[in-house]
Amino acid sequence: MALTRVEIKEKINSLTRQKNNYASERTKYKNSLSYANKLLSSLKSSNNYLISSNDYLKRYFTINGKTADGGEINNTKEDINKIIKNLNNTIIPEINNNINNLNSKINNADREINNLRRQLETAEM
């Protein structure tokens, strides 16, 4: 049994709302991705500064084979590297995966809406 014009319009409206929700959620993920990339850049920069600092400590403040910081810079560098690895291997790919899933949902909703609009043109009053 074919859908009536009213039923088709209701489905179109429902799908449009759903599509808009997906688009809104996708925007949030894109913002998160932007912040994650900025964080990644800042962490890499911090790591470079720590490398330089560690080199200076080794060069000028080594006493009895130990640096003045007691190895804290190396520990901090390792912690930052773990965070960078987590961002690169888990967080950013997961954000991208969610964006791709939402893109698919938006595209599916668009196809369904377009199909319903074609049905609306031929539906009886």
PDB file of N, CA and C in Angstrom:
ATOM      1  N   MET A   1       0.842  -1.170   0.000  1.00  0.00           N
ATOM      2  CA  MET A   1       0.000   0.000   0.000  1.00  0.00           C
ATOM      3  C   MET A   1       0.895   1.244   0.000  1.00  0.00           C
ATOM      4  N   ALA A   2       0.569   2.175  -0.874  1.00  0.00           N
ATOM      5  CA  ALA A   2       1.347   3.401  -1.021  1.00  0.00           C
ATOM      6  C   ALA A   2       1.061   4.359   0.137  1.00  0.00           C
ATOM      7  N   LEU A   3       2.048   5.153   0.445  1.00  0.00           N
ATOM      8  CA  LEU A   3       1.894   6.153   1.505  1.00  0.00           C
ATOM      9  C   LEU A   3       1.109   7.348   0.975  1.00  0.00           C
ATOM     10  N   THR A   4       0.364   7.983   1.870  1.00  0.00           N
ATOM     11  CA  THR A   4      -0.351   9.200   1.492  1.00  0.00           C
ATOM     12  C   THR A   4       0.621  10.369   1.497  1.00  0.00           C
ATOM     13  N   ARG A   5       0.202  11.483   0.916  1.00  0.00           N
ATOM     14  CA  ARG A   5       1.040  12.674   0.876  1.00  0.00           C
ATOM     15  C   ARG A   5       1.406  13.145   2.292  1.00  0.00           C
ATOM     16  N   VAL A   6       0.438  13.078   3.191  1.00  0.00           N
ATOM     17  CA  VAL A   6       0.669  13.510   4.573  1.00  0.00           C
ATOM     18  C   VAL A   6       1.716  12.610   5.238  1.00  0.00           C
ATOM     19  N   GLU A   7       1.598  11.309   5.024  1.00  0.00           N
ATOM     20  CA  GLU A   7       2.558  10.376   5.612  1.00  0.00           C
ATOM     21  C   GLU A   7       3.962  10.606   5.040  1.00  0.00           C
ATOM     22  N   ILE A   8       4.019  10.859   3.742  1.00  0.00           N
ATOM     23  CA  ILE A   8       5.319  11.122   3.106  1.00  0.00           C
ATOM     24  C   ILE A   8       5.938  12.398   3.678  1.00  0.00           C
ATOM     25  N   LYS A   9       5.132  13.451   3.808  1.00  0.00           N
ATOM     26  CA  LYS A   9       5.641  14.708   4.372  1.00  0.00           C
ATOM     27  C   LYS A   9       6.127  14.511   5.803  1.00  0.00           C
ATOM     28  N   GLU A  10       5.392  13.727   6.585  1.00  0.00           N
ATOM     29  CA  GLU A  10       5.800  13.459   7.964  1.00  0.00           C
ATOM     30  C   GLU A  10       7.137  12.730   8.000  1.00  0.00           C
ATOM     31  N   LYS A  11       7.305  11.758   7.110  1.00  0.00           N
ATOM     32  CA  LYS A  11       8.567  11.016   7.048  1.00  0.00           C
ATOM     33  C   LYS A  11       9.709  11.934   6.625  1.00  0.00           C
ATOM     34  N   ILE A  12       9.440  12.802   5.653  1.00  0.00           N
ATOM     35  CA  ILE A  12      10.462  13.746   5.201  1.00  0.00           C
ATOM     36  C   ILE A  12      10.879  14.656   6.348  1.00  0.00           C
ATOM     37  N   ASN A  13       9.907  15.172   7.074  1.00  0.00           N
ATOM     38  CA  ASN A  13      10.206  16.055   8.211  1.00  0.00           C
ATOM     39  C   ASN A  13      10.994  15.324   9.296  1.00  0.00           C
ATOM     40  N   SER A  14      10.604  14.095   9.580  1.00  0.00           N
ATOM     41  CA  SER A  14      11.296  13.306  10.590  1.00  0.00           C
ATOM     42  C   SER A  14      12.740  13.040  10.168  1.00  0.00           C
ATOM     43  N   LEU A  15      12.928  12.651   8.912  1.00  0.00           N
ATOM     44  CA  LEU A  15      14.281  12.388   8.414  1.00  0.00           C
ATOM     45  C   LEU A  15      15.121  13.662   8.379  1.00  0.00           C
ATOM     46  N   THR A  16      14.505  14.773   8.069  1.00  0.00           N
ATOM     47  CA  THR A  16      15.231  16.043   8.041  1.00  0.00           C
ATOM     48  C   THR A  16      15.708  16.414   9.441  1.00  0.00           C
ATOM     49  N   ARG A  17      14.852  16.228  10.438  1.00  0.00           N
ATOM     50  CA  ARG A  17      15.258  16.487  11.827  1.00  0.00           C
ATOM     51  C   ARG A  17      16.414  15.569  12.226  1.00  0.00           C
ATOM     52  N   GLN A  18      16.291  14.294  11.867  1.00  0.00           N
ATOM     53  CA  GLN A  18      17.331  13.328  12.185  1.00  0.00           C
ATOM     54  C   GLN A  18      18.645  13.704  11.501  1.00  0.00           C
ATOM     55  N   LYS A  19      18.566  14.090  10.238  1.00  0.00           N
ATOM     56  CA  LYS A  19      19.750  14.502   9.483  1.00  0.00           C
ATOM     57  C   LYS A  19      20.393  15.725  10.135  1.00  0.00           C
ATOM     58  N   ASN A  20      19.588  16.686  10.557  1.00  0.00           N
ATOM     59  CA  ASN A  20      20.112  17.884  11.219  1.00  0.00           C
ATOM     60  C   ASN A  20      20.807  17.539  12.536  1.00  0.00           C
ATOM     61  N   ASN A  21      20.256  16.564  13.259  1.00  0.00           N
ATOM     62  CA  ASN A  21      20.897  16.109  14.501  1.00  0.00           C
ATOM     63  C   ASN A  21      22.260  15.480  14.203  1.00  0.00           C
ATOM     64  N   TYR A  22      22.308  14.667  13.141  1.00  0.00           N
ATOM     65  CA  TYR A  22      23.579  14.065  12.734  1.00  0.00           C
ATOM     66  C   TYR A  22      24.586  15.152  12.363  1.00  0.00           C
ATOM     67  N   ALA A  23      24.142  16.155  11.622  1.00  0.00           N
ATOM     68  CA  ALA A  23      25.036  17.239  11.197  1.00  0.00           C
ATOM     69  C   ALA A  23      25.549  18.020  12.405  1.00  0.00           C
ATOM     70  N   SER A  24      24.692  18.251  13.373  1.00  0.00           N
ATOM     71  CA  SER A  24      25.094  18.956  14.590  1.00  0.00           C
ATOM     72  C   SER A  24      26.128  18.143  15.366  1.00  0.00           C
ATOM     73  N   GLU A  25      25.896  16.861  15.473  1.00  0.00           N
ATOM     74  CA  GLU A  25      26.835  15.987  16.176  1.00  0.00           C
ATOM     75  C   GLU A  25      28.169  15.930  15.422  1.00  0.00           C
ATOM     76  N   ARG A  26      28.106  15.889  14.088  1.00  0.00           N
ATOM     77  CA  ARG A  26      29.319  15.869  13.275  1.00  0.00           C
ATOM     78  C   ARG A  26      30.135  17.142  13.501  1.00  0.00           C
ATOM     79  N   THR A  27      29.456  18.282  13.610  1.00  0.00           N
ATOM     80  CA  THR A  27      30.146  19.548  13.873  1.00  0.00           C
ATOM     81  C   THR A  27      30.899  19.488  15.200  1.00  0.00           C
ATOM     82  N   LYS A  28      30.281  18.885  16.195  1.00  0.00           N
ATOM     83  CA  LYS A  28      30.944  18.744  17.494  1.00  0.00           C
ATOM     84  C   LYS A  28      32.199  17.879  17.378  1.00  0.00           C
ATOM     85  N   TYR A  29      32.096  16.794  16.618  1.00  0.00           N
ATOM     86  CA  TYR A  29      33.268  15.937  16.422  1.00  0.00           C
ATOM     87  C   TYR A  29      34.359  16.664  15.637  1.00  0.00           C
ATOM     88  N   LYS A  30      33.972  17.449  14.642  1.00  0.00           N
ATOM     89  CA  LYS A  30      34.960  18.199  13.872  1.00  0.00           C
ATOM     90  C   LYS A  30      35.673  19.217  14.760  1.00  0.00           C
ATOM     91  N   ASN A  31      34.922  19.853  15.660  1.00  0.00           N
ATOM     92  CA  ASN A  31      35.545  20.779  16.611  1.00  0.00           C
ATOM     93  C   ASN A  31      36.512  20.033  17.532  1.00  0.00           C
ATOM     94  N   SER A  32      36.102  18.856  17.991  1.00  0.00           N
ATOM     95  CA  SER A  32      36.976  18.043  18.837  1.00  0.00           C
ATOM     96  C   SER A  32      38.237  17.643  18.086  1.00  0.00           C
ATOM     97  N   LEU A  33      38.082  17.310  16.822  1.00  0.00           N
ATOM     98  CA  LEU A  33      39.243  16.940  16.007  1.00  0.00           C
ATOM     99  C   LEU A  33      40.204  18.117  15.874  1.00  0.00           C
ATOM    100  N   SER A  34      39.646  19.289  15.677  1.00  0.00           N
ATOM    101  CA  SER A  34      40.477  20.487  15.576  1.00  0.00           C
ATOM    102  C   SER A  34      41.263  20.713  16.867  1.00  0.00           C
ATOM    103  N   TYR A  35      40.591  20.585  18.005  1.00  0.00           N
ATOM    104  CA  TYR A  35      41.266  20.754  19.290  1.00  0.00           C
ATOM    105  C   TYR A  35      42.303  19.659  19.525  1.00  0.00           C
ATOM    106  N   ALA A  36      41.992  18.438  19.123  1.00  0.00           N
ATOM    107  CA  ALA A  36      42.942  17.335  19.288  1.00  0.00           C
ATOM    108  C   ALA A  36      44.196  17.580  18.461  1.00  0.00           C
ATOM    109  N   ASN A  37      44.019  18.085  17.255  1.00  0.00           N
ATOM    110  CA  ASN A  37      45.184  18.382  16.413  1.00  0.00           C
ATOM    111  C   ASN A  37      46.015  19.533  16.978  1.00  0.00           C
ATOM    112  N   LYS A  38      45.342  20.540  17.538  1.00  0.00           N
ATOM    113  CA  LYS A  38      46.072  21.637  18.176  1.00  0.00           C
ATOM    114  C   LYS A  38      46.839  21.127  19.395  1.00  0.00           C
ATOM    115  N   LEU A  39      46.199  20.271  20.165  1.00  0.00           N
ATOM    116  CA  LEU A  39      46.855  19.686  21.330  1.00  0.00           C
ATOM    117  C   LEU A  39      48.065  18.872  20.898  1.00  0.00           C
ATOM    118  N   LEU A  40      47.908  18.098  19.852  1.00  0.00           N
ATOM    119  CA  LEU A  40      49.010  17.293  19.333  1.00  0.00           C
ATOM    120  C   LEU A  40      50.190  18.173  18.929  1.00  0.00           C
ATOM    121  N   SER A  41      49.890  19.250  18.244  1.00  0.00           N
ATOM    122  CA  SER A  41      50.938  20.181  17.838  1.00  0.00           C
ATOM    123  C   SER A  41      51.640  20.786  19.052  1.00  0.00           C
ATOM    124  N   SER A  42      50.873  21.193  20.036  1.00  0.00           N
ATOM    125  CA  SER A  42      51.455  21.783  21.250  1.00  0.00           C
ATOM    126  C   SER A  42      52.307  20.771  22.013  1.00  0.00           C
ATOM    127  N   LEU A  43      51.837  19.541  22.088  1.00  0.00           N
ATOM    128  CA  LEU A  43      52.602  18.510  22.786  1.00  0.00           C
ATOM    129  C   LEU A  43      53.922  18.220  22.074  1.00  0.00           C
ATOM    130  N   LYS A  44      53.883  18.184  20.756  1.00  0.00           N
ATOM    131  CA  LYS A  44      55.116  17.957  19.992  1.00  0.00           C
ATOM    132  C   LYS A  44      56.095  19.113  20.220  1.00  0.00           C
ATOM    133  N   SER A  45      55.559  20.316  20.233  1.00  0.00           N
ATOM    134  CA  SER A  45      56.404  21.486  20.491  1.00  0.00           C
ATOM    135  C   SER A  45      57.006  21.416  21.890  1.00  0.00           C
ATOM    136  N   SER A  46      56.187  21.076  22.870  1.00  0.00           N
ATOM    137  CA  SER A  46      56.680  20.943  24.247  1.00  0.00           C
ATOM    138  C   SER A  46      57.762  19.886  24.334  1.00  0.00           C
ATOM    139  N   ASN A  47      57.548  18.803  23.636  1.00  0.00           N
ATOM    140  CA  ASN A  47      58.534  17.725  23.637  1.00  0.00           C
ATOM    141  C   ASN A  47      59.873  18.202  23.068  1.00  0.00           C
ATOM    142  N   ASN A  48      59.808  18.998  22.007  1.00  0.00           N
ATOM    143  CA  ASN A  48      61.041  19.542  21.428  1.00  0.00           C
ATOM    144  C   ASN A  48      61.767  20.449  22.415  1.00  0.00           C
ATOM    145  N   TYR A  49      61.005  21.262  23.132  1.00  0.00           N
ATOM    146  CA  TYR A  49      61.625  22.128  24.153  1.00  0.00           C
ATOM    147  C   TYR A  49      62.257  21.295  25.266  1.00  0.00           C
ATOM    148  N   LEU A  50      61.590  20.223  25.627  1.00  0.00           N
ATOM    149  CA  LEU A  50      62.146  19.363  26.673  1.00  0.00           C
ATOM    150  C   LEU A  50      63.437  18.689  26.209  1.00  0.00           C
ATOM    151  N   ILE A  51      63.493  18.317  24.954  1.00  0.00           N
ATOM    152  CA  ILE A  51      64.714  17.723  24.407  1.00  0.00           C
ATOM    153  C   ILE A  51      65.864  18.724  24.509  1.00  0.00           C
ATOM    154  N   SER A  52      65.583  19.963  24.103  1.00  0.00           N
ATOM    155  CA  SER A  52      66.615  21.008  24.195  1.00  0.00           C
ATOM    156  C   SER A  52      67.029  21.241  25.639  1.00  0.00           C
ATOM    157  N   SER A  53      66.058  21.324  26.516  1.00  0.00           N
ATOM    158  CA  SER A  53      66.356  21.548  27.944  1.00  0.00           C
ATOM    159  C   SER A  53      67.201  20.418  28.500  1.00  0.00           C
ATOM    160  N   ASN A  54      66.853  19.211  28.134  1.00  0.00           N
ATOM    161  CA  ASN A  54      67.597  18.054  28.614  1.00  0.00           C
ATOM    162  C   ASN A  54      69.041  18.078  28.109  1.00  0.00           C
ATOM    163  N   ASP A  55      69.206  18.472  26.849  1.00  0.00           N
ATOM    164  CA  ASP A  55      70.563  18.589  26.294  1.00  0.00           C
ATOM    165  C   ASP A  55      71.393  19.617  27.062  1.00  0.00           C
ATOM    166  N   TYR A  56      70.791  20.768  27.348  1.00  0.00           N
ATOM    167  CA  TYR A  56      71.505  21.797  28.112  1.00  0.00           C
ATOM    168  C   TYR A  56      71.840  21.315  29.519  1.00  0.00           C
ATOM    169  N   LEU A  57      70.892  20.626  30.143  1.00  0.00           N
ATOM    170  CA  LEU A  57      71.166  20.100  31.485  1.00  0.00           C
ATOM    171  C   LEU A  57      72.330  19.121  31.448  1.00  0.00           C
ATOM    172  N   LYS A  58      72.333  18.239  30.465  1.00  0.00           N
ATOM    173  CA  LYS A  58      73.420  17.269  30.365  1.00  0.00           C
ATOM    174  C   LYS A  58      74.755  17.965  30.133  1.00  0.00           C
ATOM    175  N   ARG A  59      74.724  18.994  29.316  1.00  0.00           N
ATOM    176  CA  ARG A  59      75.955  19.684  28.947  1.00  0.00           C
ATOM    177  C   ARG A  59      76.509  20.525  30.099  1.00  0.00           C
ATOM    178  N   TYR A  60      75.646  21.201  30.823  1.00  0.00           N
ATOM    179  CA  TYR A  60      76.122  22.192  31.797  1.00  0.00           C
ATOM    180  C   TYR A  60      75.858  21.852  33.263  1.00  0.00           C
ATOM    181  N   PHE A  61      74.956  20.920  33.519  1.00  0.00           N
ATOM    182  CA  PHE A  61      74.593  20.642  34.915  1.00  0.00           C
ATOM    183  C   PHE A  61      74.643  19.155  35.249  1.00  0.00           C
ATOM    184  N   THR A  62      75.657  18.485  34.782  1.00  0.00           N
ATOM    185  CA  THR A  62      75.828  17.074  35.113  1.00  0.00           C
ATOM    186  C   THR A  62      76.903  16.962  36.181  1.00  0.00           C
ATOM    187  N   ILE A  63      76.528  16.319  37.280  1.00  0.00           N
ATOM    188  CA  ILE A  63      77.460  16.130  38.385  1.00  0.00           C
ATOM    189  C   ILE A  63      77.461  14.640  38.723  1.00  0.00           C
ATOM    190  N   ASN A  64      78.644  14.068  38.707  1.00  0.00           N
ATOM    191  CA  ASN A  64      78.785  12.628  38.982  1.00  0.00           C
ATOM    192  C   ASN A  64      77.879  11.781  38.091  1.00  0.00           C
ATOM    193  N   GLY A  65      77.754  12.189  36.826  1.00  0.00           N
ATOM    194  CA  GLY A  65      76.967  11.425  35.866  1.00  0.00           C
ATOM    195  C   GLY A  65      75.460  11.607  35.974  1.00  0.00           C
ATOM    196  N   LYS A  66      75.030  12.503  36.842  1.00  0.00           N
ATOM    197  CA  LYS A  66      73.585  12.731  37.016  1.00  0.00           C
ATOM    198  C   LYS A  66      73.264  14.172  36.694  1.00  0.00           C
ATOM    199  N   THR A  67      72.106  14.369  36.051  1.00  0.00           N
ATOM    200  CA  THR A  67      71.686  15.733  35.736  1.00  0.00           C
ATOM    201  C   THR A  67      71.014  16.353  36.954  1.00  0.00           C
ATOM    202  N   ALA A  68      70.958  17.669  36.948  1.00  0.00           N
ATOM    203  CA  ALA A  68      70.412  18.413  38.089  1.00  0.00           C
ATOM    204  C   ALA A  68      68.929  18.116  38.340  1.00  0.00           C
ATOM    205  N   ASP A  69      68.223  17.716  37.315  1.00  0.00           N
ATOM    206  CA  ASP A  69      66.785  17.461  37.497  1.00  0.00           C
ATOM    207  C   ASP A  69      66.493  16.035  37.951  1.00  0.00           C
ATOM    208  N   GLY A  70      67.495  15.213  38.074  1.00  0.00           N
ATOM    209  CA  GLY A  70      67.287  13.834  38.528  1.00  0.00           C
ATOM    210  C   GLY A  70      66.510  12.988  37.537  1.00  0.00           C
ATOM    211  N   GLY A  71      66.557  13.341  36.259  1.00  0.00           N
ATOM    212  CA  GLY A  71      65.864  12.553  35.229  1.00  0.00           C
ATOM    213  C   GLY A  71      64.407  12.920  35.022  1.00  0.00           C
ATOM    214  N   GLU A  72      63.955  13.981  35.685  1.00  0.00           N
ATOM    215  CA  GLU A  72      62.542  14.368  35.578  1.00  0.00           C
ATOM    216  C   GLU A  72      62.153  14.798  34.158  1.00  0.00           C
ATOM    217  N   ILE A  73      63.061  15.456  33.468  1.00  0.00           N
ATOM    218  CA  ILE A  73      62.743  15.888  32.097  1.00  0.00           C
ATOM    219  C   ILE A  73      62.503  14.669  31.216  1.00  0.00           C
ATOM    220  N   ASN A  74      63.338  13.655  31.372  1.00  0.00           N
ATOM    221  CA  ASN A  74      63.129  12.430  30.585  1.00  0.00           C
ATOM    222  C   ASN A  74      61.793  11.775  30.920  1.00  0.00           C
ATOM    223  N   ASN A  75      61.442  11.760  32.196  1.00  0.00           N
ATOM    224  CA  ASN A  75      60.151  11.189  32.599  1.00  0.00           C
ATOM    225  C   ASN A  75      58.994  11.969  31.975  1.00  0.00           C
ATOM    226  N   THR A  76      59.112  13.279  31.992  1.00  0.00           N
ATOM    227  CA  THR A  76      58.068  14.127  31.414  1.00  0.00           C
ATOM    228  C   THR A  76      57.968  13.907  29.913  1.00  0.00           C
ATOM    229  N   LYS A  77      59.136  13.798  29.253  1.00  0.00           N
ATOM    230  CA  LYS A  77      59.163  13.519  27.813  1.00  0.00           C
ATOM    231  C   LYS A  77      58.456  12.201  27.499  1.00  0.00           C
ATOM    232  N   GLU A  78      58.718  11.178  28.311  1.00  0.00           N
ATOM    233  CA  GLU A  78      58.076   9.876  28.116  1.00  0.00           C
ATOM    234  C   GLU A  78      56.566   9.980  28.295  1.00  0.00           C
ATOM    235  N   ASP A  79      56.138  10.736  29.305  1.00  0.00           N
ATOM    236  CA  ASP A  79      54.697  10.933  29.523  1.00  0.00           C
ATOM    237  C   ASP A  79      54.053  11.639  28.336  1.00  0.00           C
ATOM    238  N   ILE A  80      54.715  12.664  27.832  1.00  0.00           N
ATOM    239  CA  ILE A  80      54.183  13.390  26.674  1.00  0.00           C
ATOM    240  C   ILE A  80      54.136  12.477  25.453  1.00  0.00           C
ATOM    241  N   ASN A  81      55.169  11.666  25.269  1.00  0.00           N
ATOM    242  CA  ASN A  81      55.171  10.734  24.141  1.00  0.00           C
ATOM    243  C   ASN A  81      54.025   9.730  24.228  1.00  0.00           C
ATOM    244  N   LYS A  82      53.683   9.303  25.441  1.00  0.00           N
ATOM    245  CA  LYS A  82      52.543   8.388  25.628  1.00  0.00           C
ATOM    246  C   LYS A  82      51.239   9.082  25.233  1.00  0.00           C
ATOM    247  N   ILE A  83      51.108  10.333  25.616  1.00  0.00           N
ATOM    248  CA  ILE A  83      49.902  11.092  25.269  1.00  0.00           C
ATOM    249  C   ILE A  83      49.824  11.292  23.758  1.00  0.00           C
ATOM    250  N   ILE A  84      50.954  11.637  23.131  1.00  0.00           N
ATOM    251  CA  ILE A  84      50.991  11.816  21.681  1.00  0.00           C
ATOM    252  C   ILE A  84      50.599  10.514  20.979  1.00  0.00           C
ATOM    253  N   LYS A  85      51.142   9.410  21.464  1.00  0.00           N
ATOM    254  CA  LYS A  85      50.821   8.101  20.868  1.00  0.00           C
ATOM    255  C   LYS A  85      49.337   7.800  21.022  1.00  0.00           C
ATOM    256  N   ASN A  86      48.776   8.075  22.181  1.00  0.00           N
ATOM    257  CA  ASN A  86      47.348   7.844  22.422  1.00  0.00           C
ATOM    258  C   ASN A  86      46.495   8.715  21.500  1.00  0.00           C
ATOM    259  N   LEU A  87      46.887   9.966  21.343  1.00  0.00           N
ATOM    260  CA  LEU A  87      46.156  10.857  20.438  1.00  0.00           C
ATOM    261  C   LEU A  87      46.211  10.335  19.003  1.00  0.00           C
ATOM    262  N   ASN A  88      47.403   9.974  18.554  1.00  0.00           N
ATOM    263  CA  ASN A  88      47.585   9.523  17.173  1.00  0.00           C
ATOM    264  C   ASN A  88      46.960   8.166  16.884  1.00  0.00           C
ATOM    265  N   ASN A  89      47.019   7.253  17.854  1.00  0.00           N
ATOM    266  CA  ASN A  89      46.597   5.879  17.602  1.00  0.00           C
ATOM    267  C   ASN A  89      45.176   5.560  18.044  1.00  0.00           C
ATOM    268  N   THR A  90      44.627   6.362  18.938  1.00  0.00           N
ATOM    269  CA  THR A  90      43.301   6.032  19.460  1.00  0.00           C
ATOM    270  C   THR A  90      42.305   7.177  19.303  1.00  0.00           C
ATOM    271  N   ILE A  91      42.616   8.308  19.888  1.00  0.00           N
ATOM    272  CA  ILE A  91      41.635   9.390  19.977  1.00  0.00           C
ATOM    273  C   ILE A  91      41.305   9.987  18.616  1.00  0.00           C
ATOM    274  N   ILE A  92      42.311  10.420  17.872  1.00  0.00           N
ATOM    275  CA  ILE A  92      42.049  11.046  16.566  1.00  0.00           C
ATOM    276  C   ILE A  92      41.414  10.061  15.588  1.00  0.00           C
ATOM    277  N   PRO A  93      41.899   8.802  15.500  1.00  0.00           N
ATOM    278  CA  PRO A  93      41.211   7.857  14.606  1.00  0.00           C
ATOM    279  C   PRO A  93      39.757   7.605  15.009  1.00  0.00           C
ATOM    280  N   GLU A  94      39.492   7.573  16.308  1.00  0.00           N
ATOM    281  CA  GLU A  94      38.113   7.355  16.766  1.00  0.00           C
ATOM    282  C   GLU A  94      37.220   8.545  16.397  1.00  0.00           C
ATOM    283  N   ILE A  95      37.748   9.745  16.548  1.00  0.00           N
ATOM    284  CA  ILE A  95      36.991  10.937  16.138  1.00  0.00           C
ATOM    285  C   ILE A  95      36.717  10.890  14.643  1.00  0.00           C
ATOM    286  N   ASN A  96      37.737  10.569  13.854  1.00  0.00           N
ATOM    287  CA  ASN A  96      37.551  10.464  12.396  1.00  0.00           C
ATOM    288  C   ASN A  96      36.542   9.382  12.038  1.00  0.00           C
ATOM    289  N   ASN A  97      36.580   8.268  12.753  1.00  0.00           N
ATOM    290  CA  ASN A  97      35.629   7.181  12.520  1.00  0.00           C
ATOM    291  C   ASN A  97      34.196   7.655  12.788  1.00  0.00           C
ATOM    292  N   ASN A  98      34.015   8.392  13.879  1.00  0.00           N
ATOM    293  CA  ASN A  98      32.677   8.910  14.200  1.00  0.00           C
ATOM    294  C   ASN A  98      32.203   9.915  13.148  1.00  0.00           C
ATOM    295  N   ILE A  99      33.112  10.756  12.670  1.00  0.00           N
ATOM    296  CA  ILE A  99      32.757  11.710  11.619  1.00  0.00           C
ATOM    297  C   ILE A  99      32.336  10.962  10.357  1.00  0.00           C
ATOM    298  N   ASN A 100      33.095   9.934   9.983  1.00  0.00           N
ATOM    299  CA  ASN A 100      32.753   9.141   8.795  1.00  0.00           C
ATOM    300  C   ASN A 100      31.410   8.438   8.942  1.00  0.00           C
ATOM    301  N   ASN A 101      31.151   7.892  10.141  1.00  0.00           N
ATOM    302  CA  ASN A 101      29.854   7.246  10.378  1.00  0.00           C
ATOM    303  C   ASN A 101      28.708   8.243  10.243  1.00  0.00           C
ATOM    304  N   LEU A 102      28.908   9.436  10.796  1.00  0.00           N
ATOM    305  CA  LEU A 102      27.866  10.461  10.700  1.00  0.00           C
ATOM    306  C   LEU A 102      27.691  10.927   9.257  1.00  0.00           C
ATOM    307  N   ASN A 103      28.783  11.026   8.499  1.00  0.00           N
ATOM    308  CA  ASN A 103      28.669  11.367   7.084  1.00  0.00           C
ATOM    309  C   ASN A 103      27.827  10.334   6.345  1.00  0.00           C
ATOM    310  N   SER A 104      28.043   9.063   6.655  1.00  0.00           N
ATOM    311  CA  SER A 104      27.254   7.993   6.029  1.00  0.00           C
ATOM    312  C   SER A 104      25.772   8.114   6.391  1.00  0.00           C
ATOM    313  N   LYS A 105      25.511   8.382   7.657  1.00  0.00           N
ATOM    314  CA  LYS A 105      24.118   8.524   8.099  1.00  0.00           C
ATOM    315  C   LYS A 105      23.449   9.717   7.419  1.00  0.00           C
ATOM    316  N   ILE A 106      24.192  10.816   7.282  1.00  0.00           N
ATOM    317  CA  ILE A 106      23.654  12.006   6.620  1.00  0.00           C
ATOM    318  C   ILE A 106      23.366  11.701   5.151  1.00  0.00           C
ATOM    319  N   ASN A 107      24.296  11.020   4.494  1.00  0.00           N
ATOM    320  CA  ASN A 107      24.102  10.666   3.089  1.00  0.00           C
ATOM    321  C   ASN A 107      22.916   9.727   2.907  1.00  0.00           C
ATOM    322  N   ASN A 108      22.769   8.760   3.804  1.00  0.00           N
ATOM    323  CA  ASN A 108      21.618   7.845   3.732  1.00  0.00           C
ATOM    324  C   ASN A 108      20.312   8.596   3.930  1.00  0.00           C
ATOM    325  N   ALA A 109      20.303   9.509   4.894  1.00  0.00           N
ATOM    326  CA  ALA A 109      19.093  10.299   5.138  1.00  0.00           C
ATOM    327  C   ALA A 109      18.770  11.153   3.919  1.00  0.00           C
ATOM    328  N   ASP A 110      19.770  11.748   3.293  1.00  0.00           N
ATOM    329  CA  ASP A 110      19.558  12.547   2.076  1.00  0.00           C
ATOM    330  C   ASP A 110      18.952  11.702   0.961  1.00  0.00           C
ATOM    331  N   ARG A 111      19.496  10.505   0.768  1.00  0.00           N
ATOM    332  CA  ARG A 111      18.954   9.624  -0.279  1.00  0.00           C
ATOM    333  C   ARG A 111      17.498   9.279  -0.007  1.00  0.00           C
ATOM    334  N   GLU A 112      17.226   8.955   1.252  1.00  0.00           N
ATOM    335  CA  GLU A 112      15.850   8.592   1.613  1.00  0.00           C
ATOM    336  C   GLU A 112      14.903   9.786   1.450  1.00  0.00           C
ATOM    337  N   ILE A 113      15.357  10.965   1.835  1.00  0.00           N
ATOM    338  CA  ILE A 113      14.535  12.175   1.681  1.00  0.00           C
ATOM    339  C   ILE A 113      14.260  12.435   0.207  1.00  0.00           C
ATOM    340  N   ASN A 114      15.294  12.321  -0.623  1.00  0.00           N
ATOM    341  CA  ASN A 114      15.102  12.532  -2.065  1.00  0.00           C
ATOM    342  C   ASN A 114      14.142  11.514  -2.663  1.00  0.00           C
ATOM    343  N   ASN A 115      14.242  10.275  -2.211  1.00  0.00           N
ATOM    344  CA  ASN A 115      13.322   9.239  -2.672  1.00  0.00           C
ATOM    345  C   ASN A 115      11.888   9.566  -2.259  1.00  0.00           C
ATOM    346  N   LEU A 116      11.718  10.015  -1.028  1.00  0.00           N
ATOM    347  CA  LEU A 116      10.386  10.379  -0.544  1.00  0.00           C
ATOM    348  C   LEU A 116       9.831  11.590  -1.293  1.00  0.00           C
ATOM    349  N   ARG A 117      10.688  12.524  -1.648  1.00  0.00           N
ATOM    350  CA  ARG A 117      10.230  13.690  -2.425  1.00  0.00           C
ATOM    351  C   ARG A 117       9.739  13.271  -3.805  1.00  0.00           C
ATOM    352  N   ARG A 118      10.420  12.303  -4.416  1.00  0.00           N
ATOM    353  CA  ARG A 118       9.949  11.786  -5.711  1.00  0.00           C
ATOM    354  C   ARG A 118       8.597  11.099  -5.537  1.00  0.00           C
ATOM    355  N   GLN A 119       8.457  10.357  -4.438  1.00  0.00           N
ATOM    356  CA  GLN A 119       7.171   9.706  -4.167  1.00  0.00           C
ATOM    357  C   GLN A 119       6.077  10.738  -3.938  1.00  0.00           C
ATOM    358  N   LEU A 120       6.439  11.837  -3.286  1.00  0.00           N
ATOM    359  CA  LEU A 120       5.473  12.907  -2.992  1.00  0.00           C
ATOM    360  C   LEU A 120       4.922  13.503  -4.272  1.00  0.00           C
ATOM    361  N   GLU A 121       5.775  13.631  -5.276  1.00  0.00           N
ATOM    362  CA  GLU A 121       5.340  14.216  -6.549  1.00  0.00           C
ATOM    363  C   GLU A 121       4.300  13.341  -7.243  1.00  0.00           C
ATOM    364  N   THR A 122       4.394  12.033  -7.042  1.00  0.00           N
ATOM    365  CA  THR A 122       3.463  11.115  -7.736  1.00  0.00           C
ATOM    366  C   THR A 122       2.327  10.624  -6.840  1.00  0.00           C
ATOM    367  N   ALA A 123       2.374  10.963  -5.556  1.00  0.00           N
ATOM    368  CA  ALA A 123       1.359  10.462  -4.607  1.00  0.00           C
ATOM    369  C   ALA A 123       0.015  11.123  -4.867  1.00  0.00           C
ATOM    370  N   GLU A 124      -1.006  10.349  -4.588  1.00  0.00           N
ATOM    371  CA  GLU A 124      -2.373  10.862  -4.725  1.00  0.00           C
ATOM    372  C   GLU A 124      -2.703  11.738  -3.520  1.00  0.00           C
ATOM    373  N   MET A 125      -3.602  12.680  -3.769  1.00  0.00           N
ATOM    374  CA  MET A 125      -4.021  13.584  -2.703  1.00  0.00           C
ATOM    375  C   MET A 125      -4.992  12.931  -1.786  1.00  0.00           C
TER     376      MET A 125
END
